[in-house]
N, C-alpha and C. Protein backbone atom coordinates (compact mmCIF):
# COMPACT_ATOMS: atom_id res chain seq x y z
N MET A 1 -3.85 17.74 13.74
CA MET A 1 -3.36 16.71 12.85
C MET A 1 -1.92 16.34 13.24
N PRO A 2 -1.66 15.06 13.45
CA PRO A 2 -0.30 14.66 13.81
C PRO A 2 0.62 14.64 12.58
N PHE A 3 1.87 14.93 12.81
CA PHE A 3 2.88 14.83 11.76
C PHE A 3 3.78 13.66 12.11
N ILE A 4 3.70 12.60 11.31
CA ILE A 4 4.42 11.37 11.62
C ILE A 4 5.17 10.89 10.38
N LYS A 5 6.40 10.50 10.58
CA LYS A 5 7.17 9.87 9.52
C LYS A 5 7.99 8.76 10.17
N ILE A 6 7.57 7.54 9.96
CA ILE A 6 8.27 6.38 10.49
C ILE A 6 8.66 5.51 9.30
N TRP A 7 9.94 5.50 8.98
CA TRP A 7 10.45 4.71 7.86
C TRP A 7 10.66 3.27 8.29
N VAL A 8 10.23 2.35 7.45
CA VAL A 8 10.38 0.92 7.73
C VAL A 8 10.89 0.21 6.48
N HIS A 9 11.88 -0.65 6.69
CA HIS A 9 12.41 -1.50 5.62
C HIS A 9 11.73 -2.86 5.79
N LEU A 10 10.96 -3.27 4.79
CA LEU A 10 10.24 -4.54 4.80
C LEU A 10 10.89 -5.48 3.79
N VAL A 11 11.01 -6.74 4.18
CA VAL A 11 11.54 -7.76 3.28
C VAL A 11 10.72 -9.03 3.47
N TRP A 12 10.29 -9.63 2.36
CA TRP A 12 9.64 -10.93 2.46
C TRP A 12 9.99 -11.75 1.23
N ALA A 13 9.80 -13.06 1.34
CA ALA A 13 10.22 -13.98 0.29
C ALA A 13 9.04 -14.74 -0.29
N THR A 14 9.29 -15.35 -1.44
CA THR A 14 8.31 -16.26 -2.03
C THR A 14 8.22 -17.51 -1.15
N LYS A 15 7.10 -18.19 -1.20
CA LYS A 15 6.90 -19.43 -0.45
C LYS A 15 8.01 -20.42 -0.81
N SER A 16 8.64 -20.96 0.22
CA SER A 16 9.76 -21.90 0.06
C SER A 16 10.90 -21.30 -0.75
N ARG A 17 10.89 -19.99 -0.86
CA ARG A 17 11.91 -19.23 -1.60
C ARG A 17 12.10 -19.72 -3.03
N LYS A 18 10.98 -20.08 -3.62
CA LYS A 18 11.02 -20.53 -5.02
C LYS A 18 11.35 -19.33 -5.91
N PRO A 19 12.20 -19.52 -6.91
CA PRO A 19 12.63 -18.41 -7.78
C PRO A 19 11.60 -18.06 -8.86
N PHE A 20 10.41 -17.65 -8.42
CA PHE A 20 9.32 -17.34 -9.34
C PHE A 20 9.44 -15.96 -9.99
N LEU A 21 10.18 -15.07 -9.37
CA LEU A 21 10.18 -13.68 -9.81
C LEU A 21 11.27 -13.41 -10.84
N GLU A 22 11.11 -14.02 -12.01
CA GLU A 22 12.05 -13.74 -13.09
C GLU A 22 11.96 -12.27 -13.44
N LYS A 23 12.97 -11.76 -14.11
CA LYS A 23 13.08 -10.32 -14.31
C LYS A 23 11.82 -9.67 -14.87
N ASN A 24 11.24 -10.22 -15.94
CA ASN A 24 10.05 -9.59 -16.53
C ASN A 24 8.86 -9.65 -15.58
N ILE A 25 8.76 -10.70 -14.80
CA ILE A 25 7.65 -10.85 -13.83
C ILE A 25 7.86 -9.92 -12.65
N ARG A 26 9.07 -9.91 -12.10
CA ARG A 26 9.29 -9.08 -10.90
C ARG A 26 9.09 -7.61 -11.17
N GLN A 27 9.44 -7.14 -12.36
CA GLN A 27 9.22 -5.73 -12.68
C GLN A 27 7.73 -5.40 -12.63
N GLN A 28 6.90 -6.29 -13.15
CA GLN A 28 5.44 -6.09 -13.10
C GLN A 28 4.94 -6.15 -11.66
N VAL A 29 5.43 -7.14 -10.91
CA VAL A 29 4.98 -7.34 -9.53
C VAL A 29 5.37 -6.15 -8.66
N PHE A 30 6.60 -5.70 -8.76
CA PHE A 30 7.06 -4.60 -7.92
C PHE A 30 6.32 -3.30 -8.27
N LYS A 31 6.07 -3.10 -9.55
CA LYS A 31 5.29 -1.93 -9.97
C LYS A 31 3.88 -2.01 -9.39
N HIS A 32 3.29 -3.20 -9.44
CA HIS A 32 1.95 -3.38 -8.90
C HIS A 32 1.92 -3.17 -7.39
N ILE A 33 2.89 -3.71 -6.68
CA ILE A 33 2.94 -3.54 -5.22
C ILE A 33 2.98 -2.05 -4.88
N LYS A 34 3.82 -1.31 -5.58
CA LYS A 34 3.93 0.13 -5.30
C LYS A 34 2.62 0.85 -5.61
N GLU A 35 2.04 0.58 -6.78
CA GLU A 35 0.79 1.24 -7.15
C GLU A 35 -0.34 0.88 -6.21
N ASN A 36 -0.47 -0.39 -5.86
CA ASN A 36 -1.52 -0.83 -4.94
C ASN A 36 -1.33 -0.21 -3.56
N GLY A 37 -0.09 -0.17 -3.09
CA GLY A 37 0.18 0.46 -1.79
C GLY A 37 -0.27 1.90 -1.78
N LEU A 38 0.07 2.63 -2.83
CA LEU A 38 -0.32 4.04 -2.90
C LEU A 38 -1.84 4.21 -2.93
N ILE A 39 -2.52 3.34 -3.68
CA ILE A 39 -3.99 3.38 -3.73
C ILE A 39 -4.57 3.12 -2.34
N LYS A 40 -3.95 2.24 -1.58
CA LYS A 40 -4.45 1.87 -0.25
C LYS A 40 -3.94 2.79 0.85
N GLY A 41 -3.25 3.85 0.49
CA GLY A 41 -2.80 4.83 1.47
C GLY A 41 -1.49 4.48 2.16
N VAL A 42 -0.72 3.57 1.58
CA VAL A 42 0.59 3.23 2.13
C VAL A 42 1.62 4.03 1.34
N HIS A 43 2.43 4.80 2.04
CA HIS A 43 3.46 5.58 1.36
C HIS A 43 4.59 4.63 0.96
N MET A 44 4.59 4.24 -0.32
CA MET A 44 5.57 3.30 -0.87
C MET A 44 6.70 4.11 -1.51
N ASP A 45 7.77 4.27 -0.81
CA ASP A 45 8.88 5.06 -1.33
C ASP A 45 9.65 4.30 -2.41
N PHE A 46 9.96 3.04 -2.14
CA PHE A 46 10.77 2.27 -3.08
C PHE A 46 10.47 0.79 -2.94
N VAL A 47 10.37 0.09 -4.07
CA VAL A 47 10.12 -1.35 -4.09
C VAL A 47 11.05 -1.98 -5.12
N ASN A 48 11.74 -3.03 -4.71
CA ASN A 48 12.58 -3.80 -5.63
C ASN A 48 12.91 -5.12 -4.94
N GLY A 49 13.65 -5.94 -5.60
CA GLY A 49 14.02 -7.22 -5.01
C GLY A 49 14.72 -8.07 -6.03
N HIS A 50 14.59 -9.37 -5.87
CA HIS A 50 15.25 -10.29 -6.79
C HIS A 50 14.34 -11.47 -7.05
N ILE A 51 14.88 -12.54 -7.50
CA ILE A 51 14.12 -13.68 -8.01
C ILE A 51 13.21 -14.35 -6.98
N ASP A 52 13.53 -14.18 -5.69
CA ASP A 52 12.76 -14.88 -4.65
C ASP A 52 12.37 -14.01 -3.47
N HIS A 53 12.52 -12.69 -3.59
CA HIS A 53 12.16 -11.83 -2.45
C HIS A 53 11.94 -10.38 -2.88
N VAL A 54 11.36 -9.63 -1.95
CA VAL A 54 11.01 -8.23 -2.17
C VAL A 54 11.55 -7.38 -1.03
N HIS A 55 12.02 -6.19 -1.36
CA HIS A 55 12.39 -5.17 -0.38
C HIS A 55 11.48 -3.97 -0.62
N CYS A 56 10.93 -3.41 0.45
CA CYS A 56 10.12 -2.20 0.34
C CYS A 56 10.59 -1.18 1.37
N LEU A 57 10.64 0.06 0.98
CA LEU A 57 10.86 1.16 1.91
C LEU A 57 9.53 1.90 2.00
N VAL A 58 8.92 1.86 3.18
CA VAL A 58 7.62 2.50 3.38
C VAL A 58 7.70 3.48 4.53
N SER A 59 6.79 4.43 4.52
CA SER A 59 6.65 5.35 5.64
C SER A 59 5.23 5.17 6.19
N LEU A 60 5.14 4.79 7.44
CA LEU A 60 3.84 4.55 8.06
C LEU A 60 3.20 5.85 8.50
N ASN A 61 1.87 5.88 8.46
CA ASN A 61 1.16 7.02 9.01
C ASN A 61 0.57 6.63 10.37
N ALA A 62 -0.15 7.53 11.00
CA ALA A 62 -0.63 7.33 12.36
C ALA A 62 -1.56 6.13 12.51
N GLY A 63 -2.30 5.79 11.51
CA GLY A 63 -3.27 4.70 11.63
C GLY A 63 -2.79 3.35 11.11
N GLN A 64 -1.53 3.25 10.73
CA GLN A 64 -1.05 2.01 10.13
C GLN A 64 -0.13 1.24 11.08
N THR A 65 -0.23 -0.07 10.99
CA THR A 65 0.72 -0.93 11.71
C THR A 65 1.53 -1.70 10.68
N ILE A 66 2.69 -2.13 11.08
CA ILE A 66 3.54 -2.91 10.18
C ILE A 66 2.81 -4.16 9.73
N GLY A 67 2.20 -4.86 10.66
CA GLY A 67 1.52 -6.11 10.34
C GLY A 67 0.41 -5.93 9.32
N LYS A 68 -0.39 -4.90 9.48
CA LYS A 68 -1.50 -4.66 8.54
C LYS A 68 -0.98 -4.25 7.16
N VAL A 69 0.05 -3.43 7.12
CA VAL A 69 0.62 -3.00 5.85
C VAL A 69 1.21 -4.20 5.11
N VAL A 70 1.96 -5.03 5.80
CA VAL A 70 2.55 -6.21 5.17
C VAL A 70 1.46 -7.16 4.68
N GLN A 71 0.45 -7.38 5.51
CA GLN A 71 -0.67 -8.25 5.13
C GLN A 71 -1.34 -7.73 3.85
N LEU A 72 -1.57 -6.45 3.79
CA LEU A 72 -2.19 -5.83 2.62
C LEU A 72 -1.32 -6.02 1.37
N LEU A 73 -0.05 -5.71 1.49
CA LEU A 73 0.84 -5.78 0.33
C LEU A 73 1.06 -7.21 -0.15
N LYS A 74 1.30 -8.11 0.78
CA LYS A 74 1.55 -9.51 0.40
C LYS A 74 0.28 -10.17 -0.12
N GLY A 75 -0.81 -10.02 0.62
CA GLY A 75 -2.05 -10.70 0.26
C GLY A 75 -2.59 -10.26 -1.08
N GLU A 76 -2.65 -8.96 -1.29
CA GLU A 76 -3.21 -8.45 -2.53
C GLU A 76 -2.30 -8.78 -3.71
N SER A 77 -0.98 -8.69 -3.52
CA SER A 77 -0.07 -8.96 -4.64
C SER A 77 -0.08 -10.43 -5.03
N ALA A 78 -0.18 -11.34 -4.07
CA ALA A 78 -0.28 -12.78 -4.39
C ALA A 78 -1.57 -13.04 -5.17
N TYR A 79 -2.65 -12.43 -4.72
CA TYR A 79 -3.92 -12.57 -5.43
C TYR A 79 -3.79 -12.06 -6.87
N TRP A 80 -3.17 -10.90 -7.04
CA TRP A 80 -3.01 -10.28 -8.35
C TRP A 80 -2.14 -11.15 -9.27
N ILE A 81 -1.04 -11.69 -8.73
CA ILE A 81 -0.15 -12.56 -9.51
C ILE A 81 -0.92 -13.78 -10.01
N ASN A 82 -1.70 -14.41 -9.13
CA ASN A 82 -2.47 -15.59 -9.51
C ASN A 82 -3.59 -15.25 -10.49
N LYS A 83 -4.29 -14.17 -10.23
CA LYS A 83 -5.40 -13.76 -11.11
C LYS A 83 -4.91 -13.48 -12.52
N ASN A 84 -3.74 -12.88 -12.63
CA ASN A 84 -3.18 -12.53 -13.93
C ASN A 84 -2.29 -13.63 -14.51
N LYS A 85 -2.22 -14.76 -13.81
CA LYS A 85 -1.47 -15.93 -14.29
C LYS A 85 -0.05 -15.58 -14.74
N LEU A 86 0.65 -14.82 -13.87
CA LEU A 86 2.02 -14.44 -14.21
C LEU A 86 2.98 -15.62 -14.14
N ILE A 87 2.61 -16.63 -13.35
CA ILE A 87 3.41 -17.86 -13.30
C ILE A 87 2.45 -19.04 -13.47
N SER A 88 3.00 -20.17 -13.86
CA SER A 88 2.13 -21.33 -14.13
C SER A 88 1.69 -22.03 -12.84
N ASP A 89 2.48 -21.99 -11.78
CA ASP A 89 2.11 -22.58 -10.49
C ASP A 89 1.28 -21.61 -9.67
N LYS A 90 0.71 -22.12 -8.59
CA LYS A 90 0.03 -21.22 -7.64
C LYS A 90 1.11 -20.42 -6.92
N PHE A 91 0.94 -19.11 -6.89
CA PHE A 91 1.93 -18.24 -6.24
C PHE A 91 1.52 -17.95 -4.81
N GLU A 92 2.50 -18.00 -3.90
CA GLU A 92 2.30 -17.62 -2.50
C GLU A 92 3.57 -16.96 -1.98
N TRP A 93 3.36 -16.06 -1.02
CA TRP A 93 4.49 -15.48 -0.29
C TRP A 93 4.70 -16.32 0.97
N GLN A 94 5.92 -16.32 1.46
CA GLN A 94 6.25 -16.96 2.73
C GLN A 94 5.53 -16.20 3.85
N ASP A 95 5.14 -16.90 4.92
CA ASP A 95 4.43 -16.24 6.02
C ASP A 95 5.28 -15.20 6.73
N GLU A 96 6.52 -15.52 7.01
CA GLU A 96 7.33 -14.59 7.79
C GLU A 96 7.82 -13.43 6.94
N TYR A 97 8.23 -12.37 7.61
CA TYR A 97 8.79 -11.21 6.95
C TYR A 97 9.74 -10.54 7.91
N PHE A 98 10.49 -9.61 7.42
CA PHE A 98 11.50 -8.89 8.16
C PHE A 98 11.12 -7.41 8.12
N ALA A 99 11.16 -6.73 9.24
CA ALA A 99 10.86 -5.29 9.27
C ALA A 99 11.75 -4.61 10.30
N VAL A 100 12.41 -3.55 9.87
CA VAL A 100 13.23 -2.75 10.79
C VAL A 100 13.00 -1.28 10.50
N SER A 101 13.17 -0.47 11.52
CA SER A 101 13.04 0.97 11.34
C SER A 101 14.29 1.51 10.65
N VAL A 102 14.11 2.63 9.98
CA VAL A 102 15.20 3.27 9.25
C VAL A 102 15.24 4.73 9.67
N SER A 103 16.41 5.20 10.03
CA SER A 103 16.53 6.61 10.41
C SER A 103 16.45 7.48 9.16
N GLU A 104 16.05 8.71 9.34
CA GLU A 104 15.96 9.65 8.22
C GLU A 104 17.31 9.75 7.51
N SER A 105 18.40 9.73 8.27
CA SER A 105 19.73 9.83 7.65
C SER A 105 20.12 8.58 6.87
N GLY A 106 19.44 7.47 7.09
CA GLY A 106 19.76 6.23 6.39
C GLY A 106 18.87 5.93 5.19
N VAL A 107 17.88 6.77 4.94
CA VAL A 107 16.90 6.49 3.88
C VAL A 107 17.56 6.44 2.50
N ASN A 108 18.40 7.41 2.17
CA ASN A 108 19.03 7.42 0.84
C ASN A 108 19.93 6.21 0.63
N ARG A 109 20.67 5.83 1.66
CA ARG A 109 21.54 4.65 1.56
C ARG A 109 20.71 3.40 1.35
N LEU A 110 19.57 3.29 2.05
CA LEU A 110 18.71 2.13 1.88
C LEU A 110 18.08 2.11 0.48
N ARG A 111 17.67 3.25 -0.03
CA ARG A 111 17.12 3.31 -1.39
C ARG A 111 18.13 2.74 -2.39
N GLU A 112 19.39 3.14 -2.26
CA GLU A 112 20.43 2.65 -3.16
C GLU A 112 20.60 1.13 -3.01
N TYR A 113 20.57 0.66 -1.79
CA TYR A 113 20.70 -0.78 -1.54
C TYR A 113 19.54 -1.54 -2.20
N ILE A 114 18.33 -1.05 -2.03
CA ILE A 114 17.15 -1.70 -2.62
C ILE A 114 17.22 -1.60 -4.15
N LYS A 115 17.62 -0.46 -4.65
CA LYS A 115 17.70 -0.25 -6.10
C LYS A 115 18.68 -1.22 -6.75
N ASN A 116 19.75 -1.57 -6.06
CA ASN A 116 20.81 -2.39 -6.63
C ASN A 116 20.72 -3.86 -6.26
N GLN A 117 19.52 -4.37 -6.04
CA GLN A 117 19.36 -5.77 -5.64
C GLN A 117 19.91 -6.75 -6.67
N GLU A 118 19.71 -6.50 -7.93
CA GLU A 118 20.19 -7.44 -8.94
C GLU A 118 21.71 -7.57 -8.88
N ILE A 119 22.40 -6.48 -8.80
CA ILE A 119 23.87 -6.49 -8.69
C ILE A 119 24.29 -7.13 -7.37
N HIS A 120 23.62 -6.74 -6.30
CA HIS A 120 23.93 -7.26 -4.96
C HIS A 120 23.86 -8.78 -4.94
N HIS A 121 22.86 -9.34 -5.61
CA HIS A 121 22.66 -10.79 -5.55
C HIS A 121 23.50 -11.57 -6.56
N THR A 122 24.38 -10.89 -7.29
CA THR A 122 25.38 -11.63 -8.06
C THR A 122 26.52 -12.04 -7.13
N LYS A 123 26.62 -11.39 -5.97
CA LYS A 123 27.70 -11.66 -5.02
C LYS A 123 27.23 -12.42 -3.78
N LYS A 124 25.94 -12.33 -3.50
CA LYS A 124 25.42 -12.86 -2.23
C LYS A 124 24.02 -13.40 -2.45
N SER A 125 23.73 -14.57 -1.91
CA SER A 125 22.39 -15.16 -2.03
C SER A 125 21.44 -14.48 -1.05
N PHE A 126 20.15 -14.67 -1.29
CA PHE A 126 19.16 -14.14 -0.35
C PHE A 126 19.34 -14.78 1.02
N GLN A 127 19.69 -16.06 1.08
CA GLN A 127 19.91 -16.72 2.38
C GLN A 127 21.05 -16.05 3.13
N GLN A 128 22.13 -15.72 2.44
CA GLN A 128 23.25 -15.01 3.09
C GLN A 128 22.80 -13.64 3.58
N GLU A 129 22.04 -12.93 2.76
CA GLU A 129 21.51 -11.62 3.14
C GLU A 129 20.61 -11.75 4.36
N TYR A 130 19.72 -12.73 4.32
CA TYR A 130 18.79 -12.98 5.42
C TYR A 130 19.56 -13.27 6.72
N ASP A 131 20.55 -14.16 6.64
CA ASP A 131 21.34 -14.51 7.83
C ASP A 131 22.04 -13.28 8.40
N GLU A 132 22.56 -12.42 7.52
CA GLU A 132 23.21 -11.18 7.97
C GLU A 132 22.21 -10.25 8.67
N PHE A 133 20.99 -10.12 8.12
CA PHE A 133 19.95 -9.32 8.76
C PHE A 133 19.64 -9.85 10.15
N MET A 134 19.49 -11.17 10.24
CA MET A 134 19.15 -11.79 11.52
C MET A 134 20.20 -11.47 12.58
N ILE A 135 21.46 -11.51 12.21
CA ILE A 135 22.55 -11.22 13.16
C ILE A 135 22.63 -9.72 13.43
N LYS A 136 22.64 -8.92 12.37
CA LYS A 136 22.79 -7.47 12.50
C LYS A 136 21.73 -6.86 13.42
N TYR A 137 20.48 -7.33 13.31
CA TYR A 137 19.39 -6.75 14.09
C TYR A 137 19.01 -7.56 15.32
N GLY A 138 19.79 -8.60 15.62
CA GLY A 138 19.57 -9.38 16.84
C GLY A 138 18.37 -10.31 16.79
N PHE A 139 17.87 -10.64 15.61
CA PHE A 139 16.71 -11.50 15.51
C PHE A 139 17.01 -12.96 15.82
N GLU A 140 18.26 -13.38 15.67
CA GLU A 140 18.58 -14.78 15.96
C GLU A 140 18.33 -15.10 17.42
N MET A 141 18.49 -14.11 18.31
CA MET A 141 18.21 -14.33 19.73
C MET A 141 16.71 -14.49 19.98
N ILE A 142 15.90 -13.76 19.24
CA ILE A 142 14.45 -13.82 19.39
C ILE A 142 13.95 -15.17 18.89
N LYS A 143 14.45 -15.58 17.73
CA LYS A 143 14.02 -16.84 17.12
C LYS A 143 14.46 -18.04 17.93
N GLY A 144 15.71 -18.00 18.42
CA GLY A 144 16.29 -19.16 19.11
C GLY A 144 15.87 -19.22 20.54
């Protein structure tokens, strides 16, 4: 049996970054994402976000890929939001997402960052956060 622990920070946004995830809705959605992930065998360490996006800290196992995990979490949660009519419009997630590896020594710091999203976004918009991620991890070179 292999012993594997690969930490990944996942971030994705609502379609067109619409602010659908009001506080009472996002608490339900994030709880559901975590519970569904655990049911589906995804180790969901921490889930939080803000009005237009989600941050997840997950640990992949030997049979999981980032793409499949994200597809599972996004697809099922959008379906659940629509089925339960949490918002009046049709809910969709944006196609793209952000994923980076996290070292074991950085996990606690990332948990705190994810936990404090509401406070964080009183000072910085998701677009500013996104732009910083793109630069910090060199994604602007890949995209451009």
